[in-house]
Amino acid sequence: MLILFALIIPFMLLPASFAETRVCSQGCDYSTVQSALNASSSSSSSSTQESIIVESGRYNESLVIGKSVFLRGLDTGSGRPVLAPQSGRIILAGYGAILQGFVLAGPSVPDGQSPGVEGCTLEVVLPANIYLNNFAGKRSVCPVDRASWNSSDRISYQYNSRVLRGRLGNYWADYNETDENEDGIGDQPVILNERNIDYYPLMSPVENYRIPEEKQIKAELIAARVNEPFTISLHANPTAGYEWNADYDYVLLKQESAGFETASSDAQLVGVGGSSVFVFLPLKPGKSTIYFVYKRPWENIAADTRVFHVETSA
């Protein structure tokens, strides 16, 4: 069968059209989260909610979120931003504020001891909405007031090659319940106290749930036809322990093969890289997305990610 090589058109995932403030190590509006919060004009009486985008990086700040802002972590290529206060904690005291998309470091207290308010990473003082975050465990949070720990609306997501839609909560590292229907959402809630319950806890870290626009990375478009295979080739060096893993919609696509090809001129050199070659067969017309992650199997940190949007015609 003739292989149809993909027509690839690079483009960028665009941020939301509304005005927003950016935080990153350099080149953004602010280099610290607290400075962006201090400059925000949002308030509980405001008709609009200001969005503060925090890009990949580690932020060792003790924060006071005292305004009704949408504080959103964005993976810009090197993982979700990490909030890790070196001393103190993060105080969420903005009525109606939203905290989404972060990794929150756990409390530095010995196992078996209750962290109390002083020992936890996140203290929730006023009602807020908190979802799609990675927590070290329930001991990371001290909820003083009631909060919502799930998305208010159903979200489309891709998990273990299945395209799904539902409300999503947070990932809790100490959660060990079941997931009978394998939708990535735990069958039992995470109960922090009687007024704070995550009804849709995630079975895996948020990185395993492919959500449109949750990562700002280069994507590529492939124009394909039903029953005509196409090939994706990605640079790789398996001698370092890294490998590409693909996640895709198995209803619209079938992965026919995956293999490694060494560059012909370097075939005799040990440790020289080559290409991981994937062949996909479109099964029916439609639009789908293939996500590639380049990582070592024993690590949770991705060295690289690639995204391909596939538009298949009859």
C-alpha atoms as a PDB file:
ATOM      1  CA  MET A   1       0.000   0.000   0.000  1.00  0.00           C
ATOM      2  CA  LEU A   2       1.296   3.432  -0.914  1.00  0.00           C
ATOM      3  CA  ILE A   3       2.323   5.469   2.109  1.00  0.00           C
ATOM      4  CA  LEU A   4       0.874   8.977   2.181  1.00  0.00           C
ATOM      5  CA  PHE A   5       3.466  11.259   3.738  1.00  0.00           C
ATOM      6  CA  ALA A   6       1.847  13.926   5.879  1.00  0.00           C
ATOM      7  CA  LEU A   7       1.468  17.496   4.751  1.00  0.00           C
ATOM      8  CA  ILE A   8       2.653  19.320   7.867  1.00  0.00           C
ATOM      9  CA  ILE A   9       1.852  22.958   8.554  1.00  0.00           C
ATOM     10  CA  PRO A  10       3.285  24.387  11.774  1.00  0.00           C
ATOM     11  CA  PHE A  11       1.259  26.797  13.861  1.00  0.00           C
ATOM     12  CA  MET A  12       0.958  27.901  17.463  1.00  0.00           C
ATOM     13  CA  LEU A  13      -1.850  27.244  19.911  1.00  0.00           C
ATOM     14  CA  LEU A  14      -3.134  30.701  20.570  1.00  0.00           C
ATOM     15  CA  PRO A  15      -3.973  31.977  24.039  1.00  0.00           C
ATOM     16  CA  ALA A  16      -7.438  33.184  24.899  1.00  0.00           C
ATOM     17  CA  SER A  17      -8.532  36.384  23.171  1.00  0.00           C
ATOM     18  CA  PHE A  18      -9.186  38.315  26.372  1.00  0.00           C
ATOM     19  CA  ALA A  19      -6.509  40.409  28.045  1.00  0.00           C
ATOM     20  CA  GLU A  20      -4.301  38.557  30.472  1.00  0.00           C
ATOM     21  CA  THR A  21      -1.180  39.029  32.573  1.00  0.00           C
ATOM     22  CA  ARG A  22       1.822  36.711  32.180  1.00  0.00           C
ATOM     23  CA  VAL A  23       4.364  35.531  34.761  1.00  0.00           C
ATOM     24  CA  CYS A  24       7.645  33.810  33.825  1.00  0.00           C
ATOM     25  CA  SER A  25      11.361  33.944  34.651  1.00  0.00           C
ATOM     26  CA  GLN A  26      12.078  36.497  31.936  1.00  0.00           C
ATOM     27  CA  GLY A  27      10.313  38.278  29.097  1.00  0.00           C
ATOM     28  CA  CYS A  28       6.854  38.415  30.688  1.00  0.00           C
ATOM     29  CA  ASP A  29       4.854  41.151  32.407  1.00  0.00           C
ATOM     30  CA  TYR A  30       6.090  39.953  35.821  1.00  0.00           C
ATOM     31  CA  SER A  31       8.751  37.577  37.124  1.00  0.00           C
ATOM     32  CA  THR A  32       6.971  36.694  40.381  1.00  0.00           C
ATOM     33  CA  VAL A  33       3.416  35.576  41.020  1.00  0.00           C
ATOM     34  CA  GLN A  34       2.915  37.904  43.983  1.00  0.00           C
ATOM     35  CA  SER A  35       3.892  40.996  41.981  1.00  0.00           C
ATOM     36  CA  ALA A  36       1.289  40.093  39.354  1.00  0.00           C
ATOM     37  CA  LEU A  37      -1.331  39.581  42.066  1.00  0.00           C
ATOM     38  CA  ASN A  38      -0.485  42.920  43.675  1.00  0.00           C
ATOM     39  CA  ALA A  39      -0.918  44.709  40.336  1.00  0.00           C
ATOM     40  CA  SER A  40      -4.237  43.030  39.549  1.00  0.00           C
ATOM     41  CA  SER A  41      -7.345  45.195  39.548  1.00  0.00           C
ATOM     42  CA  SER A  42      -9.710  42.264  40.144  1.00  0.00           C
ATOM     43  CA  SER A  43     -12.024  42.335  43.152  1.00  0.00           C
ATOM     44  CA  SER A  44     -14.993  40.349  44.383  1.00  0.00           C
ATOM     45  CA  SER A  45     -17.323  43.160  43.226  1.00  0.00           C
ATOM     46  CA  SER A  46     -15.833  43.364  39.729  1.00  0.00           C
ATOM     47  CA  SER A  47     -17.953  42.185  36.774  1.00  0.00           C
ATOM     48  CA  THR A  48     -14.888  40.687  35.044  1.00  0.00           C
ATOM     49  CA  GLN A  49     -12.265  38.325  36.385  1.00  0.00           C
ATOM     50  CA  GLU A  50      -8.656  39.057  35.492  1.00  0.00           C
ATOM     51  CA  SER A  51      -6.592  36.140  34.233  1.00  0.00           C
ATOM     52  CA  ILE A  52      -2.996  35.679  35.424  1.00  0.00           C
ATOM     53  CA  ILE A  53      -1.091  33.082  33.394  1.00  0.00           C
ATOM     54  CA  VAL A  54       1.908  31.524  35.169  1.00  0.00           C
ATOM     55  CA  GLU A  55       4.304  29.803  32.767  1.00  0.00           C
ATOM     56  CA  SER A  56       6.496  26.751  33.408  1.00  0.00           C
ATOM     57  CA  GLY A  57       9.002  27.162  36.226  1.00  0.00           C
ATOM     58  CA  ARG A  58       9.416  26.845  39.974  1.00  0.00           C
ATOM     59  CA  TYR A  59       8.053  29.655  42.124  1.00  0.00           C
ATOM     60  CA  ASN A  60       9.353  29.516  45.696  1.00  0.00           C
ATOM     61  CA  GLU A  61       6.997  32.206  46.949  1.00  0.00           C
ATOM     62  CA  SER A  62       4.724  32.465  49.951  1.00  0.00           C
ATOM     63  CA  LEU A  63       1.618  33.872  48.264  1.00  0.00           C
ATOM     64  CA  VAL A  64      -1.433  35.772  49.432  1.00  0.00           C
ATOM     65  CA  ILE A  65      -4.122  35.506  46.759  1.00  0.00           C
ATOM     66  CA  GLY A  66      -6.443  38.181  48.072  1.00  0.00           C
ATOM     67  CA  LYS A  67      -8.293  39.048  44.861  1.00  0.00           C
ATOM     68  CA  SER A  68     -10.865  37.300  42.705  1.00  0.00           C
ATOM     69  CA  VAL A  69      -8.446  36.325  39.941  1.00  0.00           C
ATOM     70  CA  PHE A  70      -8.157  33.343  37.634  1.00  0.00           C
ATOM     71  CA  LEU A  71      -4.649  32.115  38.483  1.00  0.00           C
ATOM     72  CA  ARG A  72      -3.814  29.591  35.783  1.00  0.00           C
ATOM     73  CA  GLY A  73      -0.669  27.504  35.381  1.00  0.00           C
ATOM     74  CA  LEU A  74       0.395  26.871  31.790  1.00  0.00           C
ATOM     75  CA  ASP A  75       2.863  24.241  30.606  1.00  0.00           C
ATOM     76  CA  THR A  76       4.959  26.086  28.036  1.00  0.00           C
ATOM     77  CA  GLY A  77       7.216  23.144  27.287  1.00  0.00           C
ATOM     78  CA  SER A  78       9.003  22.214  30.508  1.00  0.00           C
ATOM     79  CA  GLY A  79       6.177  21.023  32.731  1.00  0.00           C
ATOM     80  CA  ARG A  80       3.454  22.610  34.802  1.00  0.00           C
ATOM     81  CA  PRO A  81       4.544  25.502  37.021  1.00  0.00           C
ATOM     82  CA  VAL A  82       5.395  24.478  40.571  1.00  0.00           C
ATOM     83  CA  LEU A  83       4.265  26.511  43.578  1.00  0.00           C
ATOM     84  CA  ALA A  84       6.714  25.647  46.362  1.00  0.00           C
ATOM     85  CA  PRO A  85       6.846  28.220  49.165  1.00  0.00           C
ATOM     86  CA  GLN A  86      10.175  27.936  50.972  1.00  0.00           C
ATOM     87  CA  SER A  87       8.631  29.271  54.139  1.00  0.00           C
ATOM     88  CA  GLY A  88       5.051  30.118  54.971  1.00  0.00           C
ATOM     89  CA  ARG A  89       2.316  28.920  52.617  1.00  0.00           C
ATOM     90  CA  ILE A  90      -0.127  29.933  49.885  1.00  0.00           C
ATOM     91  CA  ILE A  91      -3.170  31.684  51.315  1.00  0.00           C
ATOM     92  CA  LEU A  92      -6.192  31.661  49.000  1.00  0.00           C
ATOM     93  CA  ALA A  93      -8.313  34.525  50.324  1.00  0.00           C
ATOM     94  CA  GLY A  94      -9.924  35.923  47.187  1.00  0.00           C
ATOM     95  CA  TYR A  95     -13.666  35.258  47.130  1.00  0.00           C
ATOM     96  CA  GLY A  96     -14.468  33.376  43.906  1.00  0.00           C
ATOM     97  CA  ALA A  97     -10.823  33.041  42.834  1.00  0.00           C
ATOM     98  CA  ILE A  98      -9.814  30.142  40.566  1.00  0.00           C
ATOM     99  CA  LEU A  99      -6.625  28.107  40.995  1.00  0.00           C
ATOM    100  CA  GLN A 100      -5.926  25.784  38.067  1.00  0.00           C
ATOM    101  CA  GLY A 101      -2.999  24.031  36.433  1.00  0.00           C
ATOM    102  CA  PHE A 102      -0.291  23.931  39.125  1.00  0.00           C
ATOM    103  CA  VAL A 103       1.886  21.447  40.942  1.00  0.00           C
ATOM    104  CA  LEU A 104       1.754  22.276  44.658  1.00  0.00           C
ATOM    105  CA  ALA A 105       4.653  21.007  46.745  1.00  0.00           C
ATOM    106  CA  GLY A 106       3.746  19.100  49.892  1.00  0.00           C
ATOM    107  CA  PRO A 107       4.230  20.216  53.500  1.00  0.00           C
ATOM    108  CA  SER A 108       7.638  19.662  55.088  1.00  0.00           C
ATOM    109  CA  VAL A 109       6.407  17.854  58.199  1.00  0.00           C
ATOM    110  CA  PRO A 110       7.176  14.269  59.294  1.00  0.00           C
ATOM    111  CA  ASP A 111       4.811  11.485  58.270  1.00  0.00           C
ATOM    112  CA  GLY A 112       2.249  10.642  60.905  1.00  0.00           C
ATOM    113  CA  GLN A 113       2.019  14.203  62.176  1.00  0.00           C
ATOM    114  CA  SER A 114      -0.812  16.553  61.321  1.00  0.00           C
ATOM    115  CA  PRO A 115       0.530  19.586  59.436  1.00  0.00           C
ATOM    116  CA  GLY A 116      -2.032  21.993  60.862  1.00  0.00           C
ATOM    117  CA  VAL A 117      -2.559  25.362  59.215  1.00  0.00           C
ATOM    118  CA  GLU A 118       1.106  26.279  59.600  1.00  0.00           C
ATOM    119  CA  GLY A 119       2.338  23.094  57.965  1.00  0.00           C
ATOM    120  CA  CYS A 120       0.171  22.857  54.839  1.00  0.00           C
ATOM    121  CA  THR A 121       0.999  24.315  51.439  1.00  0.00           C
ATOM    122  CA  LEU A 122      -2.435  25.749  50.589  1.00  0.00           C
ATOM    123  CA  GLU A 123      -4.766  27.426  53.074  1.00  0.00           C
ATOM    124  CA  VAL A 124      -8.242  28.215  51.707  1.00  0.00           C
ATOM    125  CA  VAL A 125      -9.720  31.138  53.650  1.00  0.00           C
ATOM    126  CA  LEU A 126     -12.641  32.135  51.390  1.00  0.00           C
ATOM    127  CA  PRO A 127     -14.744  30.168  48.850  1.00  0.00           C
ATOM    128  CA  ALA A 128     -12.810  29.478  45.662  1.00  0.00           C
ATOM    129  CA  ASN A 129     -12.661  27.056  42.713  1.00  0.00           C
ATOM    130  CA  ILE A 130      -9.649  24.691  42.670  1.00  0.00           C
ATOM    131  CA  TYR A 131      -9.179  22.038  39.972  1.00  0.00           C
ATOM    132  CA  LEU A 132      -6.694  20.401  37.580  1.00  0.00           C
ATOM    133  CA  ASN A 133      -3.833  20.711  40.075  1.00  0.00           C
ATOM    134  CA  ASN A 134      -1.351  18.118  41.351  1.00  0.00           C
ATOM    135  CA  PHE A 135      -1.248  17.828  45.150  1.00  0.00           C
ATOM    136  CA  ALA A 136       1.265  15.829  47.193  1.00  0.00           C
ATOM    137  CA  GLY A 137      -1.709  14.596  49.232  1.00  0.00           C
ATOM    138  CA  LYS A 138      -4.576  15.701  51.447  1.00  0.00           C
ATOM    139  CA  ARG A 139      -2.095  16.926  54.048  1.00  0.00           C
ATOM    140  CA  SER A 140      -1.035  19.630  51.564  1.00  0.00           C
ATOM    141  CA  VAL A 141      -4.317  21.498  52.047  1.00  0.00           C
ATOM    142  CA  CYS A 142      -5.933  23.310  54.989  1.00  0.00           C
ATOM    143  CA  PRO A 143      -9.464  24.334  53.965  1.00  0.00           C
ATOM    144  CA  VAL A 144     -10.846  26.842  56.461  1.00  0.00           C
ATOM    145  CA  ASP A 145     -13.860  27.804  54.315  1.00  0.00           C
ATOM    146  CA  ARG A 146     -15.868  25.898  51.729  1.00  0.00           C
ATOM    147  CA  ALA A 147     -14.366  25.553  48.238  1.00  0.00           C
ATOM    148  CA  SER A 148     -15.209  23.734  45.014  1.00  0.00           C
ATOM    149  CA  TRP A 149     -12.555  21.164  44.057  1.00  0.00           C
ATOM    150  CA  ASN A 150     -13.912  20.336  40.603  1.00  0.00           C
ATOM    151  CA  SER A 151     -14.447  22.073  37.279  1.00  0.00           C
ATOM    152  CA  SER A 152     -17.859  23.723  37.156  1.00  0.00           C
ATOM    153  CA  ASP A 153     -18.448  22.494  33.596  1.00  0.00           C
ATOM    154  CA  ARG A 154     -17.743  19.263  31.784  1.00  0.00           C
ATOM    155  CA  ILE A 155     -14.393  19.260  29.985  1.00  0.00           C
ATOM    156  CA  SER A 156     -13.371  17.340  26.865  1.00  0.00           C
ATOM    157  CA  TYR A 157     -10.168  15.385  27.454  1.00  0.00           C
ATOM    158  CA  GLN A 158      -8.144  12.493  26.074  1.00  0.00           C
ATOM    159  CA  TYR A 159      -6.977   9.811  28.509  1.00  0.00           C
ATOM    160  CA  ASN A 160      -5.272   6.526  27.630  1.00  0.00           C
ATOM    161  CA  SER A 161      -6.252   6.904  23.962  1.00  0.00           C
ATOM    162  CA  ARG A 162      -9.911   7.526  24.819  1.00  0.00           C
ATOM    163  CA  VAL A 163     -11.703  10.780  24.050  1.00  0.00           C
ATOM    164  CA  LEU A 164     -13.968  11.581  26.990  1.00  0.00           C
ATOM    165  CA  ARG A 165     -15.955  14.410  28.515  1.00  0.00           C
ATOM    166  CA  GLY A 166     -16.729  15.071  32.156  1.00  0.00           C
ATOM    167  CA  ARG A 167     -16.060  17.170  35.217  1.00  0.00           C
ATOM    168  CA  LEU A 168     -12.492  16.984  36.473  1.00  0.00           C
ATOM    169  CA  GLY A 169     -11.004  17.486  39.915  1.00  0.00           C
ATOM    170  CA  ASN A 170      -7.407  17.329  41.143  1.00  0.00           C
ATOM    171  CA  TYR A 171      -4.692  14.701  41.414  1.00  0.00           C
ATOM    172  CA  TRP A 172      -3.897  13.594  44.990  1.00  0.00           C
ATOM    173  CA  ALA A 173      -0.711  11.532  45.306  1.00  0.00           C
ATOM    174  CA  ASP A 174      -2.076   9.619  48.313  1.00  0.00           C
ATOM    175  CA  TYR A 175      -5.338   8.606  46.585  1.00  0.00           C
ATOM    176  CA  ASN A 176      -5.536   4.823  46.124  1.00  0.00           C
ATOM    177  CA  GLU A 177      -9.144   4.087  45.160  1.00  0.00           C
ATOM    178  CA  THR A 178     -10.429   2.339  42.013  1.00  0.00           C
ATOM    179  CA  ASP A 179     -11.449   3.495  38.531  1.00  0.00           C
ATOM    180  CA  GLU A 180     -13.789   0.787  37.271  1.00  0.00           C
ATOM    181  CA  ASN A 181     -14.740   2.419  33.945  1.00  0.00           C
ATOM    182  CA  GLU A 182     -11.157   3.563  33.288  1.00  0.00           C
ATOM    183  CA  ASP A 183     -12.101   7.153  32.518  1.00  0.00           C
ATOM    184  CA  GLY A 184      -9.267   8.507  34.660  1.00  0.00           C
ATOM    185  CA  ILE A 185     -11.633   9.695  37.409  1.00  0.00           C
ATOM    186  CA  GLY A 186     -11.682   7.902  40.766  1.00  0.00           C
ATOM    187  CA  ASP A 187     -14.806   6.047  41.841  1.00  0.00           C
ATOM    188  CA  GLN A 188     -14.642   7.463  45.374  1.00  0.00           C
ATOM    189  CA  PRO A 189     -14.322  11.168  46.312  1.00  0.00           C
ATOM    190  CA  VAL A 190     -11.464  12.739  48.211  1.00  0.00           C
ATOM    191  CA  ILE A 191     -12.888  14.095  51.472  1.00  0.00           C
ATOM    192  CA  LEU A 192     -10.841  16.887  53.034  1.00  0.00           C
ATOM    193  CA  ASN A 193     -13.608  17.689  55.519  1.00  0.00           C
ATOM    194  CA  GLU A 194     -17.404  17.765  55.479  1.00  0.00           C
ATOM    195  CA  ARG A 195     -17.467  21.023  53.462  1.00  0.00           C
ATOM    196  CA  ASN A 196     -14.583  20.319  51.083  1.00  0.00           C
ATOM    197  CA  ILE A 197     -14.893  17.283  48.829  1.00  0.00           C
ATOM    198  CA  ASP A 198     -13.246  16.505  45.498  1.00  0.00           C
ATOM    199  CA  TYR A 199     -15.987  14.466  43.814  1.00  0.00           C
ATOM    200  CA  TYR A 200     -13.975  13.780  40.638  1.00  0.00           C
ATOM    201  CA  PRO A 201     -10.388  13.058  41.747  1.00  0.00           C
ATOM    202  CA  LEU A 202      -7.894  12.256  38.994  1.00  0.00           C
ATOM    203  CA  MET A 203      -6.238   8.852  38.939  1.00  0.00           C
ATOM    204  CA  SER A 204      -3.023  10.194  37.375  1.00  0.00           C
ATOM    205  CA  PRO A 205      -1.166  13.509  37.401  1.00  0.00           C
ATOM    206  CA  VAL A 206      -2.830  16.177  35.276  1.00  0.00           C
ATOM    207  CA  GLU A 207      -0.164  15.767  32.563  1.00  0.00           C
ATOM    208  CA  ASN A 208      -1.836  12.480  31.563  1.00  0.00           C
ATOM    209  CA  TYR A 209      -5.111  14.216  30.657  1.00  0.00           C
ATOM    210  CA  ARG A 210      -4.778  15.801  27.211  1.00  0.00           C
ATOM    211  CA  ILE A 211      -6.923  18.909  27.283  1.00  0.00           C
ATOM    212  CA  PRO A 212      -7.036  21.380  24.366  1.00  0.00           C
ATOM    213  CA  GLU A 213      -5.117  24.604  25.110  1.00  0.00           C
ATOM    214  CA  GLU A 214      -3.790  23.271  28.434  1.00  0.00           C
ATOM    215  CA  LYS A 215      -0.306  23.337  26.917  1.00  0.00           C
ATOM    216  CA  GLN A 216       1.133  26.068  24.771  1.00  0.00           C
ATOM    217  CA  ILE A 217       3.452  24.211  22.454  1.00  0.00           C
ATOM    218  CA  LYS A 218       4.065  24.028  18.742  1.00  0.00           C
ATOM    219  CA  ALA A 219       1.552  21.845  16.966  1.00  0.00           C
ATOM    220  CA  GLU A 220       1.448  20.534  13.430  1.00  0.00           C
ATOM    221  CA  LEU A 221      -1.400  19.771  11.063  1.00  0.00           C
ATOM    222  CA  ILE A 222      -1.590  16.549   9.058  1.00  0.00           C
ATOM    223  CA  ALA A 223      -3.975  16.236   6.113  1.00  0.00           C
ATOM    224  CA  ALA A 224      -4.824  12.542   5.681  1.00  0.00           C
ATOM    225  CA  ARG A 225      -7.286  10.280   3.876  1.00  0.00           C
ATOM    226  CA  VAL A 226      -9.208   7.248   5.106  1.00  0.00           C
ATOM    227  CA  ASN A 227      -7.317   3.945   4.681  1.00  0.00           C
ATOM    228  CA  GLU A 228      -4.158   5.700   3.457  1.00  0.00           C
ATOM    229  CA  PRO A 229      -1.398   5.356   6.095  1.00  0.00           C
ATOM    230  CA  PHE A 230       0.793   8.305   7.031  1.00  0.00           C
ATOM    231  CA  THR A 231       4.147   8.408   8.785  1.00  0.00           C
ATOM    232  CA  ILE A 232       5.421  10.575  11.640  1.00  0.00           C
ATOM    233  CA  SER A 233       9.177  10.587  12.254  1.00  0.00           C
ATOM    234  CA  LEU A 234      10.645  12.056  15.461  1.00  0.00           C
ATOM    235  CA  HIS A 235      14.316  12.434  16.393  1.00  0.00           C
ATOM    236  CA  ALA A 236      15.255  10.054  19.221  1.00  0.00           C
ATOM    237  CA  ASN A 237      18.209   8.524  21.052  1.00  0.00           C
ATOM    238  CA  PRO A 238      17.111   5.399  22.946  1.00  0.00           C
ATOM    239  CA  THR A 239      20.609   4.792  24.344  1.00  0.00           C
ATOM    240  CA  ALA A 240      19.867   7.562  26.864  1.00  0.00           C
ATOM    241  CA  GLY A 241      16.764   5.694  28.048  1.00  0.00           C
ATOM    242  CA  TYR A 242      14.270   8.030  26.402  1.00  0.00           C
ATOM    243  CA  GLU A 243      11.442   6.891  24.169  1.00  0.00           C
ATOM    244  CA  TRP A 244       8.472   8.455  22.398  1.00  0.00           C
ATOM    245  CA  ASN A 245       4.997   7.374  23.521  1.00  0.00           C
ATOM    246  CA  ALA A 246       1.907   8.194  21.477  1.00  0.00           C
ATOM    247  CA  ASP A 247      -1.590   8.888  22.773  1.00  0.00           C
ATOM    248  CA  TYR A 248      -4.328   9.146  20.125  1.00  0.00           C
ATOM    249  CA  ASP A 249      -8.020   8.606  19.425  1.00  0.00           C
ATOM    250  CA  TYR A 250      -8.265   4.893  18.607  1.00  0.00           C
ATOM    251  CA  VAL A 251     -11.775   5.382  17.160  1.00  0.00           C
ATOM    252  CA  LEU A 252     -10.438   7.494  14.289  1.00  0.00           C
ATOM    253  CA  LEU A 253      -6.853   6.213  14.059  1.00  0.00           C
ATOM    254  CA  LYS A 254      -4.949   2.940  14.303  1.00  0.00           C
ATOM    255  CA  GLN A 255      -1.225   2.759  15.033  1.00  0.00           C
ATOM    256  CA  GLU A 256       0.045   0.180  12.556  1.00  0.00           C
ATOM    257  CA  SER A 257       3.685   0.164  13.600  1.00  0.00           C
ATOM    258  CA  ALA A 258       6.385   1.913  15.602  1.00  0.00           C
ATOM    259  CA  GLY A 259      10.119   1.434  15.281  1.00  0.00           C
ATOM    260  CA  PHE A 260      13.534   3.056  15.485  1.00  0.00           C
ATOM    261  CA  GLU A 261      15.740   3.851  12.516  1.00  0.00           C
ATOM    262  CA  THR A 262      19.409   4.757  12.958  1.00  0.00           C
ATOM    263  CA  ALA A 263      20.817   7.428  10.707  1.00  0.00           C
ATOM    264  CA  SER A 264      22.530   5.456   7.892  1.00  0.00           C
ATOM    265  CA  SER A 265      25.777   7.442   8.019  1.00  0.00           C
ATOM    266  CA  ASP A 266      26.122   6.805  11.753  1.00  0.00           C
ATOM    267  CA  ALA A 267      24.986   3.186  11.835  1.00  0.00           C
ATOM    268  CA  GLN A 268      28.334   1.957  13.219  1.00  0.00           C
ATOM    269  CA  LEU A 269      28.603   4.533  15.998  1.00  0.00           C
ATOM    270  CA  VAL A 270      27.432   3.530  19.475  1.00  0.00           C
ATOM    271  CA  GLY A 271      25.140   6.023  21.193  1.00  0.00           C
ATOM    272  CA  VAL A 272      24.249   7.968  18.057  1.00  0.00           C
ATOM    273  CA  GLY A 273      20.572   8.818  17.672  1.00  0.00           C
ATOM    274  CA  GLY A 274      18.169   8.329  14.845  1.00  0.00           C
ATOM    275  CA  SER A 275      14.409   8.519  14.392  1.00  0.00           C
ATOM    276  CA  SER A 276      11.382   6.920  15.990  1.00  0.00           C
ATOM    277  CA  VAL A 277       9.015   6.181  13.110  1.00  0.00           C
ATOM    278  CA  PHE A 278       5.274   5.768  13.681  1.00  0.00           C
ATOM    279  CA  VAL A 279       2.784   4.664  11.017  1.00  0.00           C
ATOM    280  CA  PHE A 280      -0.900   5.482  11.543  1.00  0.00           C
ATOM    281  CA  LEU A 281      -3.924   4.339   9.553  1.00  0.00           C
ATOM    282  CA  PRO A 282      -6.954   6.707   9.425  1.00  0.00           C
ATOM    283  CA  LEU A 283     -10.121   4.675  10.018  1.00  0.00           C
ATOM    284  CA  LYS A 284     -12.843   7.242   9.324  1.00  0.00           C
ATOM    285  CA  PRO A 285     -13.248  10.938   8.459  1.00  0.00           C
ATOM    286  CA  GLY A 286     -12.915  13.474  11.253  1.00  0.00           C
ATOM    287  CA  LYS A 287     -10.536  15.569  13.327  1.00  0.00           C
ATOM    288  CA  SER A 288      -8.291  14.072  16.004  1.00  0.00           C
ATOM    289  CA  THR A 289      -5.066  14.762  17.871  1.00  0.00           C
ATOM    290  CA  ILE A 290      -1.938  12.680  18.419  1.00  0.00           C
ATOM    291  CA  TYR A 291       0.118  13.562  21.508  1.00  0.00           C
ATOM    292  CA  PHE A 292       3.734  12.404  21.772  1.00  0.00           C
ATOM    293  CA  VAL A 293       5.734  12.469  25.023  1.00  0.00           C
ATOM    294  CA  TYR A 294       9.503  11.856  25.084  1.00  0.00           C
ATOM    295  CA  LYS A 295      10.543  10.502  28.487  1.00  0.00           C
ATOM    296  CA  ARG A 296      12.224   7.733  30.406  1.00  0.00           C
ATOM    297  CA  PRO A 297       9.736   5.046  31.539  1.00  0.00           C
ATOM    298  CA  TRP A 298      10.814   5.369  35.184  1.00  0.00           C
ATOM    299  CA  GLU A 299      10.496   9.182  35.312  1.00  0.00           C
ATOM    300  CA  ASN A 300       7.470  11.492  35.410  1.00  0.00           C
ATOM    301  CA  ILE A 301       9.328  14.371  33.748  1.00  0.00           C
ATOM    302  CA  ALA A 302       8.893  14.780  29.986  1.00  0.00           C
ATOM    303  CA  ALA A 303      12.006  15.824  28.053  1.00  0.00           C
ATOM    304  CA  ASP A 304       9.940  16.857  25.020  1.00  0.00           C
ATOM    305  CA  THR A 305       6.375  16.844  23.740  1.00  0.00           C
ATOM    306  CA  ARG A 306       4.924  17.027  20.247  1.00  0.00           C
ATOM    307  CA  VAL A 307       1.349  17.497  19.086  1.00  0.00           C
ATOM    308  CA  PHE A 308      -0.149  16.657  15.694  1.00  0.00           C
ATOM    309  CA  HIS A 309      -3.678  17.613  14.676  1.00  0.00           C
ATOM    310  CA  VAL A 310      -5.014  15.161  12.057  1.00  0.00           C
ATOM    311  CA  GLU A 311      -7.780  16.121   9.638  1.00  0.00           C
ATOM    312  CA  THR A 312      -8.961  13.025   7.771  1.00  0.00           C
ATOM    313  CA  SER A 313     -11.154  13.185   4.664  1.00  0.00           C
ATOM    314  CA  ALA A 314     -13.009  10.333   2.973  1.00  0.00           C
END
